[in-house]
Amino acid sequence: MRYTVPYGGRRLDQIARETLRSERGGTVEAILTANPGLATLLDGATVPAGTSIEIPETYRPAKSGRRVLAWE
């Protein structure tokens, strides 16, 4: 799936949340892996407006080992 960044740019974590429904579990890294050279275009963490990027459709989040509760 192709995604074109809207006017004003968008942070990479926001793109991951919008397209992959999460910014966690390696989603940002999966987008960077699917788009070699994307990291060089970033202005901080923001992808410039008009940039067309490939969103990996077969991405599966990494399984976490153990859950840690806040009070532990």
PDB file of N, CA and C in Angstrom:
ATOM      1  N   MET A   1       0.855  -1.172   0.000  1.00  0.00           N
ATOM      2  CA  MET A   1       0.000   0.000   0.000  1.00  0.00           C
ATOM      3  C   MET A   1       0.903   1.237   0.000  1.00  0.00           C
ATOM      4  N   ARG A   2       0.566   2.207  -0.813  1.00  0.00           N
ATOM      5  CA  ARG A   2       1.294   3.474  -0.873  1.00  0.00           C
ATOM      6  C   ARG A   2       0.570   4.494  -0.013  1.00  0.00           C
ATOM      7  N   TYR A   3       1.344   5.334   0.657  1.00  0.00           N
ATOM      8  CA  TYR A   3       0.807   6.392   1.503  1.00  0.00           C
ATOM      9  C   TYR A   3       1.528   7.676   1.132  1.00  0.00           C
ATOM     10  N   THR A   4       0.781   8.721   0.837  1.00  0.00           N
ATOM     11  CA  THR A   4       1.363  10.014   0.531  1.00  0.00           C
ATOM     12  C   THR A   4       1.139  10.937   1.717  1.00  0.00           C
ATOM     13  N   VAL A   5       2.224  11.503   2.208  1.00  0.00           N
ATOM     14  CA  VAL A   5       2.180  12.354   3.395  1.00  0.00           C
ATOM     15  C   VAL A   5       1.439  13.647   3.058  1.00  0.00           C
ATOM     16  N   PRO A   6       0.447  14.011   3.885  1.00  0.00           N
ATOM     17  CA  PRO A   6      -0.358  15.208   3.612  1.00  0.00           C
ATOM     18  C   PRO A   6       0.403  16.510   3.882  1.00  0.00           C
ATOM     19  N   TYR A   7      -0.217  17.610   3.492  1.00  0.00           N
ATOM     20  CA  TYR A   7       0.331  18.947   3.671  1.00  0.00           C
ATOM     21  C   TYR A   7       0.788  19.164   5.114  1.00  0.00           C
ATOM     22  N   GLY A   8       1.934  19.752   5.279  1.00  0.00           N
ATOM     23  CA  GLY A   8       2.465  20.038   6.600  1.00  0.00           C
ATOM     24  C   GLY A   8       3.381  18.951   7.135  1.00  0.00           C
ATOM     25  N   GLY A   9       3.418  17.793   6.464  1.00  0.00           N
ATOM     26  CA  GLY A   9       4.247  16.684   6.929  1.00  0.00           C
ATOM     27  C   GLY A   9       3.564  15.918   8.044  1.00  0.00           C
ATOM     28  N   ARG A  10       4.142  14.812   8.405  1.00  0.00           N
ATOM     29  CA  ARG A  10       3.565  13.962   9.450  1.00  0.00           C
ATOM     30  C   ARG A  10       4.701  13.200  10.104  1.00  0.00           C
ATOM     31  N   ARG A  11       4.640  13.050  11.431  1.00  0.00           N
ATOM     32  CA  ARG A  11       5.642  12.263  12.138  1.00  0.00           C
ATOM     33  C   ARG A  11       5.492  10.800  11.767  1.00  0.00           C
ATOM     34  N   LEU A  12       6.607  10.104  11.754  1.00  0.00           N
ATOM     35  CA  LEU A  12       6.611   8.706  11.356  1.00  0.00           C
ATOM     36  C   LEU A  12       5.765   7.842  12.288  1.00  0.00           C
ATOM     37  N   ASP A  13       5.765   8.138  13.579  1.00  0.00           N
ATOM     38  CA  ASP A  13       4.927   7.366  14.498  1.00  0.00           C
ATOM     39  C   ASP A  13       3.444   7.598  14.241  1.00  0.00           C
ATOM     40  N   GLN A  14       3.079   8.802  13.805  1.00  0.00           N
ATOM     41  CA  GLN A  14       1.679   9.085  13.468  1.00  0.00           C
ATOM     42  C   GLN A  14       1.263   8.318  12.216  1.00  0.00           C
ATOM     43  N   ILE A  15       2.167   8.226  11.254  1.00  0.00           N
ATOM     44  CA  ILE A  15       1.884   7.461  10.034  1.00  0.00           C
ATOM     45  C   ILE A  15       1.678   5.988  10.391  1.00  0.00           C
ATOM     46  N   ALA A  16       2.533   5.463  11.266  1.00  0.00           N
ATOM     47  CA  ALA A  16       2.408   4.061  11.685  1.00  0.00           C
ATOM     48  C   ALA A  16       1.077   3.824  12.387  1.00  0.00           C
ATOM     49  N   ARG A  17       0.690   4.740  13.268  1.00  0.00           N
ATOM     50  CA  ARG A  17      -0.576   4.583  13.997  1.00  0.00           C
ATOM     51  C   ARG A  17      -1.757   4.641  13.030  1.00  0.00           C
ATOM     52  N   GLU A  18      -1.705   5.544  12.072  1.00  0.00           N
ATOM     53  CA  GLU A  18      -2.805   5.716  11.125  1.00  0.00           C
ATOM     54  C   GLU A  18      -2.937   4.538  10.162  1.00  0.00           C
ATOM     55  N   THR A  19      -1.809   4.002   9.703  1.00  0.00           N
ATOM     56  CA  THR A  19      -1.859   2.967   8.672  1.00  0.00           C
ATOM     57  C   THR A  19      -1.782   1.548   9.224  1.00  0.00           C
ATOM     58  N   LEU A  20      -1.003   1.345  10.291  1.00  0.00           N
ATOM     59  CA  LEU A  20      -0.822   0.007  10.857  1.00  0.00           C
ATOM     60  C   LEU A  20      -1.528  -0.154  12.198  1.00  0.00           C
ATOM     61  N   ARG A  21      -2.253   0.877  12.604  1.00  0.00           N
ATOM     62  CA  ARG A  21      -3.066   0.872  13.829  1.00  0.00           C
ATOM     63  C   ARG A  21      -2.251   0.846  15.124  1.00  0.00           C
ATOM     64  N   SER A  22      -0.948   1.097  15.047  1.00  0.00           N
ATOM     65  CA  SER A  22      -0.107   1.162  16.243  1.00  0.00           C
ATOM     66  C   SER A  22       1.219   1.810  15.883  1.00  0.00           C
ATOM     67  N   GLU A  23       1.809   2.472  16.853  1.00  0.00           N
ATOM     68  CA  GLU A  23       3.148   3.017  16.666  1.00  0.00           C
ATOM     69  C   GLU A  23       4.160   2.194  17.475  1.00  0.00           C
ATOM     70  N   ARG A  24       3.721   1.084  18.004  1.00  0.00           N
ATOM     71  CA  ARG A  24       4.558   0.223  18.841  1.00  0.00           C
ATOM     72  C   ARG A  24       4.821  -1.113  18.163  1.00  0.00           C
ATOM     73  N   GLY A  25       5.639  -1.932  18.808  1.00  0.00           N
ATOM     74  CA  GLY A  25       5.873  -3.286  18.316  1.00  0.00           C
ATOM     75  C   GLY A  25       6.676  -3.352  17.037  1.00  0.00           C
ATOM     76  N   GLY A  26       7.463  -2.324  16.765  1.00  0.00           N
ATOM     77  CA  GLY A  26       8.306  -2.352  15.580  1.00  0.00           C
ATOM     78  C   GLY A  26       7.665  -1.804  14.320  1.00  0.00           C
ATOM     79  N   THR A  27       6.515  -1.130  14.445  1.00  0.00           N
ATOM     80  CA  THR A  27       5.840  -0.618  13.249  1.00  0.00           C
ATOM     81  C   THR A  27       6.653   0.466  12.549  1.00  0.00           C
ATOM     82  N   VAL A  28       7.238   1.375  13.322  1.00  0.00           N
ATOM     83  CA  VAL A  28       8.049   2.446  12.727  1.00  0.00           C
ATOM     84  C   VAL A  28       9.256   1.840  12.020  1.00  0.00           C
ATOM     85  N   GLU A  29       9.886   0.877  12.660  1.00  0.00           N
ATOM     86  CA  GLU A  29      11.036   0.209  12.062  1.00  0.00           C
ATOM     87  C   GLU A  29      10.651  -0.534  10.783  1.00  0.00           C
ATOM     88  N   ALA A  30       9.456  -1.138  10.767  1.00  0.00           N
ATOM     89  CA  ALA A  30       8.982  -1.856   9.575  1.00  0.00           C
ATOM     90  C   ALA A  30       8.797  -0.888   8.408  1.00  0.00           C
ATOM     91  N   ILE A  31       8.284   0.305   8.681  1.00  0.00           N
ATOM     92  CA  ILE A  31       8.111   1.303   7.624  1.00  0.00           C
ATOM     93  C   ILE A  31       9.471   1.754   7.111  1.00  0.00           C
ATOM     94  N   LEU A  32      10.414   1.986   8.025  1.00  0.00           N
ATOM     95  CA  LEU A  32      11.758   2.392   7.597  1.00  0.00           C
ATOM     96  C   LEU A  32      12.438   1.295   6.788  1.00  0.00           C
ATOM     97  N   THR A  33      12.247   0.039   7.159  1.00  0.00           N
ATOM     98  CA  THR A  33      12.833  -1.086   6.429  1.00  0.00           C
ATOM     99  C   THR A  33      12.237  -1.198   5.031  1.00  0.00           C
ATOM    100  N   ALA A  34      10.938  -0.955   4.903  1.00  0.00           N
ATOM    101  CA  ALA A  34      10.259  -1.051   3.604  1.00  0.00           C
ATOM    102  C   ALA A  34      10.594   0.120   2.680  1.00  0.00           C
ATOM    103  N   ASN A  35      11.210   1.166   3.240  1.00  0.00           N
ATOM    104  CA  ASN A  35      11.514   2.379   2.472  1.00  0.00           C
ATOM    105  C   ASN A  35      12.964   2.800   2.672  1.00  0.00           C
ATOM    106  N   PRO A  36      13.900   2.096   2.007  1.00  0.00           N
ATOM    107  CA  PRO A  36      15.305   2.473   2.139  1.00  0.00           C
ATOM    108  C   PRO A  36      15.485   3.939   1.719  1.00  0.00           C
ATOM    109  N   GLY A  37      16.227   4.683   2.513  1.00  0.00           N
ATOM    110  CA  GLY A  37      16.474   6.086   2.206  1.00  0.00           C
ATOM    111  C   GLY A  37      15.482   7.034   2.850  1.00  0.00           C
ATOM    112  N   LEU A  38      14.396   6.515   3.415  1.00  0.00           N
ATOM    113  CA  LEU A  38      13.397   7.390   4.036  1.00  0.00           C
ATOM    114  C   LEU A  38      13.992   8.150   5.215  1.00  0.00           C
ATOM    115  N   ALA A  39      14.847   7.507   5.977  1.00  0.00           N
ATOM    116  CA  ALA A  39      15.443   8.150   7.163  1.00  0.00           C
ATOM    117  C   ALA A  39      16.224   9.404   6.779  1.00  0.00           C
ATOM    118  N   THR A  40      16.793   9.431   5.577  1.00  0.00           N
ATOM    119  CA  THR A  40      17.562  10.607   5.159  1.00  0.00           C
ATOM    120  C   THR A  40      16.657  11.785   4.812  1.00  0.00           C
ATOM    121  N   LEU A  41      15.385  11.523   4.542  1.00  0.00           N
ATOM    122  CA  LEU A  41      14.435  12.594   4.211  1.00  0.00           C
ATOM    123  C   LEU A  41      13.817  13.242   5.441  1.00  0.00           C
ATOM    124  N   LEU A  42      13.899  12.558   6.587  1.00  0.00           N
ATOM    125  CA  LEU A  42      13.230  13.038   7.793  1.00  0.00           C
ATOM    126  C   LEU A  42      13.804  14.365   8.265  1.00  0.00           C
ATOM    127  N   ASP A  43      12.909  15.233   8.701  1.00  0.00           N
ATOM    128  CA  ASP A  43      13.286  16.477   9.355  1.00  0.00           C
ATOM    129  C   ASP A  43      12.969  16.274  10.829  1.00  0.00           C
ATOM    130  N   GLY A  44      13.932  15.759  11.579  1.00  0.00           N
ATOM    131  CA  GLY A  44      13.656  15.301  12.935  1.00  0.00           C
ATOM    132  C   GLY A  44      12.964  13.962  12.808  1.00  0.00           C
ATOM    133  N   ALA A  45      11.723  13.889  13.233  1.00  0.00           N
ATOM    134  CA  ALA A  45      10.928  12.667  13.076  1.00  0.00           C
ATOM    135  C   ALA A  45       9.804  12.873  12.072  1.00  0.00           C
ATOM    136  N   THR A  46       9.815  14.012  11.378  1.00  0.00           N
ATOM    137  CA  THR A  46       8.729  14.366  10.460  1.00  0.00           C
ATOM    138  C   THR A  46       9.083  14.031   9.019  1.00  0.00           C
ATOM    139  N   VAL A  47       8.163  13.346   8.363  1.00  0.00           N
ATOM    140  CA  VAL A  47       8.301  13.037   6.941  1.00  0.00           C
ATOM    141  C   VAL A  47       7.717  14.223   6.178  1.00  0.00           C
ATOM    142  N   PRO A  48       8.458  14.799   5.217  1.00  0.00           N
ATOM    143  CA  PRO A  48       7.965  15.960   4.483  1.00  0.00           C
ATOM    144  C   PRO A  48       6.683  15.676   3.686  1.00  0.00           C
ATOM    145  N   ALA A  49       5.864  16.701   3.557  1.00  0.00           N
ATOM    146  CA  ALA A  49       4.621  16.604   2.784  1.00  0.00           C
ATOM    147  C   ALA A  49       4.928  16.194   1.354  1.00  0.00           C
ATOM    148  N   GLY A  50       4.049  15.377   0.795  1.00  0.00           N
ATOM    149  CA  GLY A  50       4.189  14.942  -0.586  1.00  0.00           C
ATOM    150  C   GLY A  50       5.038  13.696  -0.761  1.00  0.00           C
ATOM    151  N   THR A  51       5.713  13.257   0.290  1.00  0.00           N
ATOM    152  CA  THR A  51       6.537  12.052   0.213  1.00  0.00           C
ATOM    153  C   THR A  51       5.628  10.835   0.102  1.00  0.00           C
ATOM    154  N   SER A  52       5.915   9.985  -0.850  1.00  0.00           N
ATOM    155  CA  SER A  52       5.149   8.755  -1.036  1.00  0.00           C
ATOM    156  C   SER A  52       5.963   7.615  -0.446  1.00  0.00           C
ATOM    157  N   ILE A  53       5.362   6.890   0.491  1.00  0.00           N
ATOM    158  CA  ILE A  53       6.066   5.792   1.136  1.00  0.00           C
ATOM    159  C   ILE A  53       5.261   4.503   1.022  1.00  0.00           C
ATOM    160  N   GLU A  54       5.987   3.389   1.079  1.00  0.00           N
ATOM    161  CA  GLU A  54       5.370   2.063   1.023  1.00  0.00           C
ATOM    162  C   GLU A  54       5.075   1.604   2.447  1.00  0.00           C
ATOM    163  N   ILE A  55       3.836   1.189   2.684  1.00  0.00           N
ATOM    164  CA  ILE A  55       3.435   0.659   3.988  1.00  0.00           C
ATOM    165  C   ILE A  55       3.405  -0.860   3.866  1.00  0.00           C
ATOM    166  N   PRO A  56       4.188  -1.567   4.704  1.00  0.00           N
ATOM    167  CA  PRO A  56       4.210  -3.038   4.601  1.00  0.00           C
ATOM    168  C   PRO A  56       2.870  -3.642   5.007  1.00  0.00           C
ATOM    169  N   GLU A  57       2.246  -4.346   4.088  1.00  0.00           N
ATOM    170  CA  GLU A  57       0.925  -4.931   4.344  1.00  0.00           C
ATOM    171  C   GLU A  57       1.001  -6.232   5.128  1.00  0.00           C
ATOM    172  N   THR A  58       2.125  -6.888   5.100  1.00  0.00           N
ATOM    173  CA  THR A  58       2.258  -8.179   5.769  1.00  0.00           C
ATOM    174  C   THR A  58       2.921  -8.049   7.131  1.00  0.00           C
ATOM    175  N   TYR A  59       3.000  -6.849   7.664  1.00  0.00           N
ATOM    176  CA  TYR A  59       3.659  -6.631   8.952  1.00  0.00           C
ATOM    177  C   TYR A  59       2.905  -7.309  10.087  1.00  0.00           C
ATOM    178  N   ARG A  60       3.633  -7.971  10.943  1.00  0.00           N
ATOM    179  CA  ARG A  60       3.082  -8.560  12.163  1.00  0.00           C
ATOM    180  C   ARG A  60       3.911  -8.045  13.327  1.00  0.00           C
ATOM    181  N   PRO A  61       3.276  -7.486  14.356  1.00  0.00           N
ATOM    182  CA  PRO A  61       4.044  -6.942  15.479  1.00  0.00           C
ATOM    183  C   PRO A  61       4.877  -8.015  16.177  1.00  0.00           C
ATOM    184  N   ALA A  62       6.017  -7.580  16.688  1.00  0.00           N
ATOM    185  CA  ALA A  62       6.872  -8.490  17.432  1.00  0.00           C
ATOM    186  C   ALA A  62       6.177  -8.894  18.724  1.00  0.00           C
ATOM    187  N   LYS A  63       6.259 -10.162  19.044  1.00  0.00           N
ATOM    188  CA  LYS A  63       5.647 -10.635  20.284  1.00  0.00           C
ATOM    189  C   LYS A  63       6.536 -10.258  21.454  1.00  0.00           C
ATOM    190  N   SER A  64       5.922  -9.690  22.458  1.00  0.00           N
ATOM    191  CA  SER A  64       6.692  -9.344  23.651  1.00  0.00           C
ATOM    192  C   SER A  64       6.730 -10.546  24.566  1.00  0.00           C
ATOM    193  N   GLY A  65       7.796 -10.645  25.300  1.00  0.00           N
ATOM    194  CA  GLY A  65       7.957 -11.788  26.187  1.00  0.00           C
ATOM    195  C   GLY A  65       7.062 -11.725  27.402  1.00  0.00           C
ATOM    196  N   ARG A  66       7.424 -10.929  28.350  1.00  0.00           N
ATOM    197  CA  ARG A  66       6.732 -10.890  29.626  1.00  0.00           C
ATOM    198  C   ARG A  66       6.115  -9.522  29.817  1.00  0.00           C
ATOM    199  N   ARG A  67       4.935  -9.497  30.367  1.00  0.00           N
ATOM    200  CA  ARG A  67       4.282  -8.217  30.693  1.00  0.00           C
ATOM    201  C   ARG A  67       4.780  -7.745  32.044  1.00  0.00           C
ATOM    202  N   VAL A  68       5.056  -6.461  32.123  1.00  0.00           N
ATOM    203  CA  VAL A  68       5.492  -5.878  33.375  1.00  0.00           C
ATOM    204  C   VAL A  68       4.435  -4.874  33.795  1.00  0.00           C
ATOM    205  N   LEU A  69       3.931  -5.033  35.003  1.00  0.00           N
ATOM    206  CA  LEU A  69       2.935  -4.120  35.520  1.00  0.00           C
ATOM    207  C   LEU A  69       3.617  -2.897  36.138  1.00  0.00           C
ATOM    208  N   ALA A  70       2.952  -1.784  36.126  1.00  0.00           N
ATOM    209  CA  ALA A  70       3.535  -0.530  36.597  1.00  0.00           C
ATOM    210  C   ALA A  70       4.004  -0.612  38.033  1.00  0.00           C
ATOM    211  N   TRP A  71       3.361  -1.418  38.849  1.00  0.00           N
ATOM    212  CA  TRP A  71       3.716  -1.465  40.265  1.00  0.00           C
ATOM    213  C   TRP A  71       4.762  -2.528  40.592  1.00  0.00           C
ATOM    214  N   GLU A  72       5.250  -3.210  39.583  1.00  0.00           N
ATOM    215  CA  GLU A  72       6.276  -4.237  39.824  1.00  0.00           C
ATOM    216  C   GLU A  72       7.650  -3.626  39.861  1.00  0.00           C
TER     217      GLU A  72
END
